[in-house]
Protein backbone atom coordinates (compact mmCIF):
# COMPACT_ATOMS: atom_id res chain seq x y z
CA MET A 1 46.37 118.28 148.20
CA ARG A 2 49.40 116.17 148.35
CA LEU A 3 51.41 115.66 144.70
CA LYS A 4 51.85 112.51 143.37
CA THR A 5 54.42 112.05 140.75
CA LEU A 6 54.60 108.82 138.58
CA HIS A 7 58.44 108.30 136.84
CA LEU A 8 59.24 106.04 133.39
CA THR A 9 62.19 105.31 132.14
CA ASN A 10 64.38 102.24 130.63
CA SER A 11 67.34 102.79 131.73
CA TRP A 12 67.14 100.38 134.90
CA HIS A 13 69.20 98.13 136.06
CA GLU A 14 69.16 96.67 139.50
CA THR A 15 72.78 96.03 139.95
CA SER A 16 74.08 99.56 138.93
CA GLY A 17 73.60 102.79 136.68
CA GLY A 18 73.24 106.45 137.44
CA ILE A 19 69.64 106.76 136.66
CA ALA A 20 68.45 103.74 138.91
CA THR A 21 70.42 105.69 141.94
CA PHE A 22 68.91 109.18 140.85
CA TYR A 23 65.42 107.46 140.93
CA ARG A 24 66.18 105.70 144.50
CA ALA A 25 67.74 108.65 145.90
CA LEU A 26 64.71 110.67 144.48
CA MET A 27 62.08 108.22 146.33
CA ASP A 28 64.10 108.50 149.47
CA ALA A 29 63.57 112.41 149.57
CA ALA A 30 59.70 111.82 148.66
CA ASN A 31 59.52 109.57 151.50
CA ARG A 32 60.95 112.07 153.53
CA ARG A 33 58.81 114.66 152.23
CA GLY A 34 55.44 113.13 152.23
CA HIS A 35 55.80 112.86 148.30
CA SER A 36 53.46 110.04 146.74
CA ILE A 37 55.68 108.75 143.82
CA ARG A 38 55.65 105.97 141.51
CA LEU A 39 58.29 104.58 139.30
CA VAL A 40 57.48 102.37 137.02
CA VAL A 41 60.55 99.81 135.40
CA PRO A 42 61.07 96.96 132.70
CA GLY A 43 61.66 93.87 134.59
CA GLU A 44 62.01 89.99 134.26
CA ASP A 45 58.77 89.70 135.72
CA ASP A 46 55.50 91.41 136.71
CA ARG A 47 55.97 92.74 140.67
CA VAL A 48 55.27 95.57 142.57
CA GLU A 49 57.95 96.76 145.52
CA GLU A 50 57.08 98.90 147.70
CA THR A 51 59.47 101.88 149.12
CA GLY A 52 58.46 103.33 152.30
CA GLU A 53 55.62 104.91 153.50
CA PHE A 54 54.84 106.67 149.95
CA GLY A 55 57.13 105.48 147.23
CA ARG A 56 56.06 102.26 144.97
CA ILE A 57 58.08 100.78 142.18
CA TYR A 58 56.02 98.66 139.44
CA HIS A 59 58.09 96.29 138.00
CA VAL A 60 56.69 95.88 134.47
CA LYS A 61 57.59 92.56 132.40
CA ALA A 62 59.64 93.35 129.50
CA PRO A 63 61.74 91.83 126.95
CA ARG A 64 65.11 92.13 126.74
CA ALA A 65 66.60 95.35 124.71
CA ARG A 66 68.10 94.69 121.24
CA PHE A 67 71.46 96.45 121.73
CA ASN A 68 72.21 95.77 125.41
CA SER A 69 70.70 92.66 126.65
CA GLN A 70 71.69 93.32 130.30
CA TYR A 71 69.16 95.76 130.12
CA ARG A 72 64.93 95.56 129.40
CA MET A 73 62.70 97.59 127.76
CA ILE A 74 59.05 98.75 127.67
CA TYR A 75 57.73 98.88 123.85
CA PRO A 76 54.09 100.75 123.19
CA ARG A 77 52.50 97.39 123.05
CA GLN A 78 52.77 97.59 126.86
CA PHE A 79 50.86 100.87 127.07
CA LEU A 80 48.64 101.64 123.79
CA PRO A 81 46.02 98.66 124.00
CA ALA A 82 43.08 99.01 126.77
CA GLY A 83 43.41 97.05 129.53
CA SER A 84 47.80 97.03 129.11
CA SER A 85 49.66 96.80 131.86
CA LEU A 86 50.63 100.82 131.86
CA GLN A 87 47.41 101.85 131.59
CA ARG A 88 46.38 99.84 134.49
CA ILE A 89 48.89 101.57 136.11
CA LEU A 90 48.07 104.88 135.37
CA ALA A 91 44.22 104.37 135.93
CA ALA A 92 44.79 103.24 139.47
CA GLU A 93 47.35 105.41 140.40
CA ARG A 94 46.09 108.73 138.57
CA PRO A 95 49.20 111.08 138.99
CA ASP A 96 48.83 114.67 138.91
CA LEU A 97 52.82 115.03 136.82
CA VAL A 98 54.21 112.01 134.61
CA GLU A 99 57.93 112.04 133.93
CA ILE A 100 59.65 109.99 131.26
CA CYS A 101 63.18 109.43 131.00
CA ASP A 102 63.15 107.66 127.49
CA LYS A 103 63.34 108.77 123.72
CA TYR A 104 62.94 105.46 121.84
CA THR A 105 59.66 103.80 123.36
CA LEU A 106 58.23 105.57 126.22
CA ASN A 107 58.45 109.02 125.01
CA TYR A 108 55.31 108.01 122.54
CA LEU A 109 53.06 107.83 126.23
CA GLY A 110 53.83 111.36 126.74
CA ALA A 111 52.71 112.15 123.13
CA LEU A 112 48.95 109.86 124.37
CA LEU A 113 48.54 111.27 127.64
CA ARG A 114 48.83 115.15 126.29
CA ARG A 115 46.38 114.70 123.64
CA GLY A 116 43.89 112.66 125.73
CA LEU A 117 44.17 109.54 123.25
CA LEU A 118 44.25 107.01 125.54
CA ARG A 119 40.16 106.68 126.08
CA THR A 120 39.99 104.19 129.38
CA LEU A 121 42.02 107.42 130.93
CA ASP A 122 40.11 110.20 131.88
CA PHE A 123 42.56 112.78 133.63
CA ARG A 124 45.26 114.93 131.81
CA PRO A 125 48.46 115.23 134.00
CA ILE A 126 51.43 117.36 133.21
CA VAL A 127 54.28 115.49 131.30
CA VAL A 128 57.73 115.56 131.50
CA GLY A 129 60.68 114.76 129.53
CA LEU A 130 63.33 114.12 131.53
CA SER A 131 66.69 113.67 129.45
CA CYS A 132 69.86 111.76 131.25
CA GLU A 133 71.67 110.87 128.08
CA ARG A 134 71.85 112.13 124.52
CA MET A 135 70.49 110.13 121.29
CA ASP A 136 73.52 111.26 118.60
CA ASP A 137 75.74 110.06 121.52
CA ASN A 138 73.73 106.49 121.72
CA PHE A 139 73.05 106.29 118.08
CA ARG A 140 76.82 106.90 117.21
CA THR A 141 77.97 103.99 120.11
CA TYR A 142 75.02 101.67 119.02
CA VAL A 143 74.25 102.22 115.47
CA GLY A 144 78.04 103.81 114.39
CA ARG A 145 79.05 106.41 112.19
CA ILE A 146 76.63 106.01 108.93
CA PRO A 147 75.49 108.86 106.16
CA PHE A 148 73.20 111.23 107.69
CA ALA A 149 72.97 109.79 111.20
CA ARG A 150 73.18 113.34 112.48
CA ARG A 151 70.56 114.98 110.70
CA PHE A 152 68.50 111.66 111.56
CA CYS A 153 69.01 112.64 115.25
CA ALA A 154 68.03 116.39 114.62
CA ALA A 155 64.97 115.54 112.83
CA TYR A 156 63.97 112.82 115.34
CA MET A 157 64.47 115.08 118.61
CA ARG A 158 62.78 118.27 116.70
CA TRP A 159 59.66 116.41 115.19
CA ILE A 160 59.10 113.49 117.40
CA TYR A 161 60.56 113.74 121.05
CA PHE A 162 60.39 117.73 121.70
CA PRO A 163 56.92 118.27 121.27
CA PHE A 164 56.37 115.26 123.05
CA PHE A 165 56.24 116.85 126.33
CA ASP A 166 54.85 119.92 128.39
CA HIS A 167 58.46 120.62 129.65
CA HIS A 168 61.79 118.98 129.40
CA ILE A 169 64.49 118.18 131.93
CA ALA A 170 67.69 117.87 131.26
CA ASN A 171 70.93 116.47 134.01
CA SER A 172 73.54 118.99 132.36
CA ALA A 173 74.21 121.59 130.13
CA TYR A 174 75.91 118.95 127.94
CA THR A 175 72.32 116.92 127.67
CA ALA A 176 70.85 119.95 127.27
CA GLU A 177 72.52 121.09 124.55
CA GLU A 178 70.47 118.53 122.18
CA LEU A 179 67.61 119.99 123.35
CA ARG A 180 68.65 123.24 122.76
CA ALA A 181 68.82 122.75 119.03
CA ALA A 182 65.75 120.96 118.77
CA SER A 183 64.09 123.94 120.24
CA GLN A 184 65.15 126.44 117.83
CA GLY A 185 62.17 127.34 115.59
CA GLN A 186 59.67 125.56 117.20
CA MET A 187 55.97 125.47 116.85
CA VAL A 188 55.59 124.17 120.47
CA PRO A 189 56.23 126.77 123.57
CA ARG A 190 58.47 124.98 125.83
CA ASN A 191 60.67 125.36 128.86
CA ILE A 192 63.73 123.52 129.80
CA TRP A 193 65.30 123.07 133.05
CA ILE A 194 68.58 121.64 134.00
CA ARG A 195 68.79 119.76 137.53
CA PRO A 196 72.14 117.81 138.13
CA MET A 197 72.17 114.37 139.54
CA GLY A 198 73.96 113.77 143.07
CA ILE A 199 76.05 111.90 145.49
CA ASP A 200 75.38 109.77 148.72
CA LEU A 201 77.87 111.39 151.00
CA ARG A 202 76.90 108.81 153.92
CA HIS A 203 79.75 106.78 152.69
CA LEU A 204 82.27 108.70 151.29
CA SER A 205 85.26 110.33 152.47
CA PRO A 206 88.73 110.30 152.46
CA ALA A 207 88.95 109.45 156.00
CA ARG A 208 88.76 105.80 154.84
CA ARG A 209 92.32 105.91 153.24
CA SER A 210 93.98 103.89 155.76
CA ARG A 211 96.89 101.65 155.73
CA GLU A 212 94.96 98.27 156.25
CA ALA A 213 92.98 99.34 153.48
CA ARG A 214 95.49 100.42 151.26
CA ARG A 215 97.30 96.57 152.10
CA GLN A 216 94.05 94.98 151.43
CA LEU A 217 93.86 96.79 148.14
CA GLN A 218 97.16 95.89 147.20
CA GLN A 219 96.30 91.72 147.78
CA LYS A 220 93.55 92.02 146.05
CA CYS A 221 95.05 93.44 142.98
CA GLY A 222 98.65 92.63 142.93
CA GLY A 223 101.61 95.40 143.07
CA SER A 224 103.85 96.55 146.09
CA ASP A 225 103.86 100.31 148.16
CA GLU A 226 105.42 101.81 145.08
CA SER A 227 102.45 100.40 142.79
CA VAL A 228 100.02 103.54 141.75
CA PHE A 229 96.36 101.99 141.46
CA LEU A 230 94.08 103.48 138.63
CA LEU A 231 90.40 103.14 139.44
CA TYR A 232 88.03 102.96 136.71
CA ALA A 233 84.11 102.60 138.54
CA GLY A 234 80.97 102.06 136.18
CA ARG A 235 79.59 100.24 133.52
CA LEU A 236 81.74 98.20 130.91
CA ALA A 237 79.14 99.50 128.27
CA PRO A 238 80.28 100.64 124.43
CA GLU A 239 78.74 104.19 125.33
CA LYS A 240 81.71 104.75 127.93
CA ASN A 241 84.75 104.63 125.58
CA LEU A 242 86.41 101.82 127.32
CA PRO A 243 89.37 101.73 124.52
CA LEU A 244 90.86 104.86 125.69
CA LEU A 245 90.90 103.32 129.49
CA PHE A 246 92.93 100.21 128.60
CA ASP A 247 95.03 102.15 125.64
CA LEU A 248 96.11 104.61 128.80
CA VAL A 249 96.97 100.98 130.79
CA MET A 250 99.28 99.67 128.30
CA ARG A 251 100.73 102.87 127.01
CA LEU A 252 101.67 103.44 131.11
CA ALA A 253 103.22 100.11 131.51
CA LYS A 254 105.03 100.70 128.54
CA HIS A 255 106.66 103.93 128.94
CA ALA A 256 106.64 104.76 132.28
CA GLY A 257 108.75 104.35 135.14
CA ARG A 258 106.62 103.59 137.80
CA ASP A 259 103.99 100.36 138.35
CA TYR A 260 100.97 101.43 137.47
CA ARG A 261 97.73 98.84 137.82
CA LEU A 262 94.49 99.34 136.69
CA VAL A 263 91.38 98.45 139.22
CA VAL A 264 88.00 97.71 137.29
CA ALA A 265 84.98 98.23 139.69
CA GLY A 266 81.72 97.41 137.61
CA ASP A 267 80.40 95.03 135.42
CA GLY A 268 78.74 95.11 131.39
CA MET A 269 78.57 93.66 128.14
CA GLU A 270 81.98 94.30 127.27
CA ARG A 271 83.79 92.81 130.35
CA ARG A 272 84.97 89.73 128.78
CA ARG A 273 86.40 91.57 126.04
CA TRP A 274 88.42 93.67 127.99
CA GLU A 275 89.52 90.99 130.42
CA GLU A 276 91.23 88.84 127.16
CA PHE A 277 92.64 92.21 126.27
CA CYS A 278 94.63 93.21 129.52
CA GLN A 279 95.75 89.17 129.81
CA LYS A 280 97.68 89.74 126.38
CA HIS A 281 98.46 92.85 126.43
CA VAL A 282 98.97 94.07 130.34
CA PRO A 283 99.45 90.63 132.14
CA GLY A 284 98.83 91.34 135.87
CA ARG A 285 98.61 95.02 135.45
CA ALA A 286 94.65 95.03 135.44
CA SER A 287 91.88 93.44 137.92
CA PHE A 288 88.58 93.16 137.21
CA LEU A 289 86.12 93.30 141.13
CA GLY A 290 82.70 93.14 138.90
CA HIS A 291 79.67 95.00 140.29
CA ILE A 292 80.72 95.99 143.72
CA LYS A 293 77.31 95.94 145.92
CA LYS A 294 78.03 97.08 149.59
CA SER A 295 78.55 101.23 149.77
CA ASP A 296 81.53 100.70 152.09
CA GLU A 297 83.77 98.26 150.33
CA LEU A 298 83.03 100.84 147.22
CA ALA A 299 84.01 103.61 149.51
CA ASP A 300 87.07 102.15 151.17
CA LEU A 301 88.33 101.08 147.53
CA THR A 302 87.64 104.91 146.21
CA ALA A 303 89.71 106.09 149.17
CA ASN A 304 92.78 103.95 148.76
CA ALA A 305 93.43 104.39 145.08
CA ASP A 306 95.91 106.89 143.65
CA VAL A 307 94.10 108.07 140.22
CA PHE A 308 89.85 108.03 139.47
CA VAL A 309 90.18 107.62 135.38
CA HIS A 310 87.47 108.61 133.61
CA PRO A 311 87.31 107.98 129.71
CA ASN A 312 84.01 108.77 128.37
CA PRO A 313 84.03 112.53 126.85
CA HIS A 314 80.99 112.44 125.78
CA GLU A 315 79.61 111.22 129.34
CA PRO A 316 75.55 113.21 130.14
CA PHE A 317 76.58 113.69 133.67
CA GLY A 318 79.44 110.89 135.74
CA ILE A 319 78.43 110.05 138.99
CA ALA A 320 80.98 108.37 139.54
CA PRO A 321 83.50 110.91 138.89
CA LEU A 322 81.79 112.97 141.32
CA GLU A 323 82.28 110.24 143.91
CA ALA A 324 85.63 109.92 143.49
CA MET A 325 86.20 113.51 144.46
CA ALA A 326 84.12 113.33 147.16
CA SER A 327 86.70 110.58 148.50
CA GLY A 328 89.49 112.84 147.66
CA LEU A 329 90.34 110.40 145.03
CA PRO A 330 92.14 112.73 142.05
CA LEU A 331 90.36 112.49 138.92
CA VAL A 332 91.67 112.37 135.44
CA ALA A 333 88.64 113.35 132.84
CA PRO A 334 87.97 114.29 129.39
CA ASP A 335 87.30 118.20 128.88
CA SER A 336 84.24 117.50 127.44
CA GLY A 337 81.04 116.30 127.92
CA GLY A 338 78.55 116.25 131.18
CA VAL A 339 81.60 115.79 133.76
CA THR A 340 82.87 119.37 133.26
CA SER A 341 79.08 120.14 134.58
CA TYR A 342 81.36 120.58 137.94
CA ALA A 343 84.91 119.40 137.10
CA THR A 344 87.17 121.93 135.98
CA PRO A 345 90.85 123.20 136.24
CA GLU A 346 90.84 123.60 139.69
CA ASN A 347 89.52 120.11 140.85
CA SER A 348 90.74 117.98 138.53
CA TRP A 349 92.57 116.88 135.83
CA LEU A 350 91.13 117.55 132.44
CA ALA A 351 92.98 116.20 129.70
CA ARG A 352 92.25 115.97 125.49
CA PRO A 353 90.10 112.05 125.34
CA ASP A 354 93.70 110.77 123.60
CA GLU A 355 95.91 107.95 125.62
CA ARG A 356 98.77 110.56 125.28
CA SER A 357 97.20 113.25 126.90
CA PHE A 358 95.37 110.85 129.50
CA ALA A 359 99.08 109.75 130.31
CA SER A 360 100.26 113.37 130.69
CA ALA A 361 97.50 114.03 133.48
CA VAL A 362 98.14 111.24 135.21
CA GLU A 363 101.74 111.69 135.76
CA ALA A 364 101.36 115.33 136.72
CA VAL A 365 98.87 114.11 139.40
CA LEU A 366 102.09 112.76 140.90
CA GLU A 367 104.52 114.76 140.38
CA ASN A 368 103.41 117.73 142.23
CA GLU A 369 102.10 116.99 145.64
CA ALA A 370 101.00 120.60 146.58
CA GLU A 371 99.31 120.74 143.63
CA ARG A 372 97.45 117.60 144.13
CA ASN A 373 96.15 118.48 147.84
CA ARG A 374 95.33 122.00 146.40
CA ARG A 375 92.98 120.37 143.55
CA VAL A 376 91.80 117.73 145.98
CA HIS A 377 90.65 120.57 148.97
CA ASN A 378 89.04 121.95 145.90
CA ALA A 379 87.03 118.59 145.05
CA LEU A 380 86.03 117.90 148.04
CA GLN A 381 84.26 121.24 148.21
CA THR A 382 83.00 120.81 144.96
CA ALA A 383 81.42 117.61 145.90
CA GLU A 384 79.78 118.95 148.70
CA GLN A 385 77.28 120.79 146.51
CA TYR A 386 75.99 117.58 145.19
CA ARG A 387 74.65 115.89 148.17
CA TRP A 388 71.16 113.99 147.12
CA GLU A 389 69.48 115.45 149.77
CA THR A 390 69.95 118.66 148.14
CA VAL A 391 69.51 116.87 144.36
CA ALA A 392 67.05 115.48 145.35
CA ALA A 393 64.97 118.51 146.59
CA LEU A 394 65.71 120.61 143.49
CA PHE A 395 63.52 118.21 141.58
CA LEU A 396 60.56 117.74 143.78
CA ASP A 397 60.31 121.63 144.03
CA LEU A 398 60.44 122.10 140.26
CA TYR A 399 57.21 119.53 139.89
CA GLY A 400 55.19 120.64 142.44
CA GLU A 401 56.11 124.23 141.01
CA LEU A 402 54.83 122.80 137.48
CA HIS A 403 51.65 121.41 139.23
CA GLY A 404 50.73 124.41 140.95
CA ALA A 405 51.67 126.70 137.96
CA ALA A 406 49.14 124.28 135.92
CA MET A 407 46.56 124.44 138.70
CA THR A 408 45.99 127.67 138.70
CA GLN A 409 46.99 128.32 135.08
CA SER A 410 49.72 130.67 136.01
CA GLU A 411 52.73 131.47 133.74
CA MET A 412 54.69 132.62 137.14
CA LEU A 413 57.22 129.28 136.56
CA PRO A 414 60.99 129.06 137.81
CA LEU A 415 63.47 130.65 135.46
CA PRO A 416 64.49 128.39 133.33
CA ALA A 417 67.65 127.35 131.59
CA PHE A 418 66.21 128.20 128.22
CA ARG A 419 63.02 128.19 126.38
CA SER A 420 62.46 127.00 122.77
CA THR A 421 62.15 129.82 120.19
CA PRO A 422 59.10 130.67 117.93
CA ALA A 423 59.88 129.97 114.13
CA GLU A 424 59.37 133.09 111.77
CA GLY A 425 58.65 134.05 108.07
CA LEU A 426 59.40 130.76 105.94
CA GLY A 427 60.68 129.26 108.72
CA LEU A 428 56.95 129.70 110.42
CA THR A 429 55.20 128.27 107.05
CA TRP A 430 57.61 125.08 106.89
CA SER A 431 57.12 124.57 110.43
CA ARG A 432 53.46 124.97 110.67
CA GLY A 433 53.13 122.36 107.87
CA VAL A 434 55.48 119.38 109.16
CA SER A 435 54.21 120.09 112.52
CA ARG A 436 50.10 119.48 111.50
CA SER A 437 51.19 116.74 108.92
CA ALA A 438 53.23 114.69 112.09
CA GLU A 439 50.49 115.51 114.34
CA LYS A 440 47.73 114.25 112.09
CA ILE A 441 49.69 111.04 110.86
CA PHE A 442 50.63 110.20 114.72
CA SER A 443 47.19 111.17 116.05
CA LEU A 444 45.58 108.76 113.14
CA ALA A 445 48.31 106.39 113.87
CA SER A 446 47.19 105.86 117.11
CA THR A 447 43.77 106.04 116.40
CA VAL A 448 43.98 102.90 114.18
CA PHE A 449 46.05 101.05 116.59
CA LEU A 450 43.59 101.82 119.58
CA ARG A 451 40.65 100.60 117.25
CA SER A 452 42.06 97.41 116.19
CA ARG A 453 42.63 96.12 119.36
CA SER A 454 39.32 97.03 121.07
């Protein structure tokens, strides 16, 4: 029997975003394998997009997200009532496995599916939670450092998010650490796997570096043959720790002897802010190119810059830095976060996330050609391991193994990164009471809502 999986996420943007890139690559792999795959994402209007023989994307009309209006968000009202858009999709598709990549609104659908509370659905899929970001990082970025924020996030992950799924997948060890904390002393047995993101190596290569492409870069961004071009590729959003990037440029412009110039490839809600900052503090030293749609154009840009700078110490994984490594571009990145899943002192320049340390790392890239060539060579070998063809296959294989184990009622599952640990002693009594209370409240609230809408 051919496996059918259905995936839901609110982290979807038509022009950029690592999660959107992941799902596009996953659908390509599923089409090659003959694996039926469906994706549900928020959109401006309701529409269906066919992606190959076995793939389909449902765009569900949804309002703009409160904290970042460039994104949209599917809320519970779009899956709780009978006849709602998501219930219609689920009833029509009848997936074997449902994967939810969201911690704030769609995760409640996972609990409803697990407990069979959606009366219009007469099947019970496997329910998987995919963690591609950390709640504590997002909370700190968009809500701020308020009292008890860390405790709130920990409690939410432990009691609301973690139990709602049959299994969990995280995109890096850094992201998984939040799940590990939530899994300690649990009433529910859960397995957690780590599966990385990947890159498309069809366009990325140091062979794209050429005199002509370098000349075009100079014409577009100014400078001369002696200029050093620092590249940042990614969204211009609060969670990317952009102050470090622009403080770095200001420091290098004032104190370094070279003509450093920043090239920004990407767009986002903070673009205007940083354009105005650069016009005031480092005029002529920064070029904002916006979102680059063509893969070849971005690959040429990456191969012909001098250093890739990634400022975010809380990056869940980071596809753009890995693409830089595949292009033969030296990488300067923080010594923390998901980037360290693949970036090491042997293939990149890791530094503390402050402007002084980053400036020293950038200058170290340029000072020693032999060391630079050694690390770039190692980086190319690292990037080769993260081809989308390989990475997407790991996800599809895991889905198949989870489904197979459920169908045969077998405990034989692939080895997880870690498992939840059971509560003991007083912790067991406390956890059992809280767990039962939370379950009753959730079931009662769901039933009352569903009856009120029927």
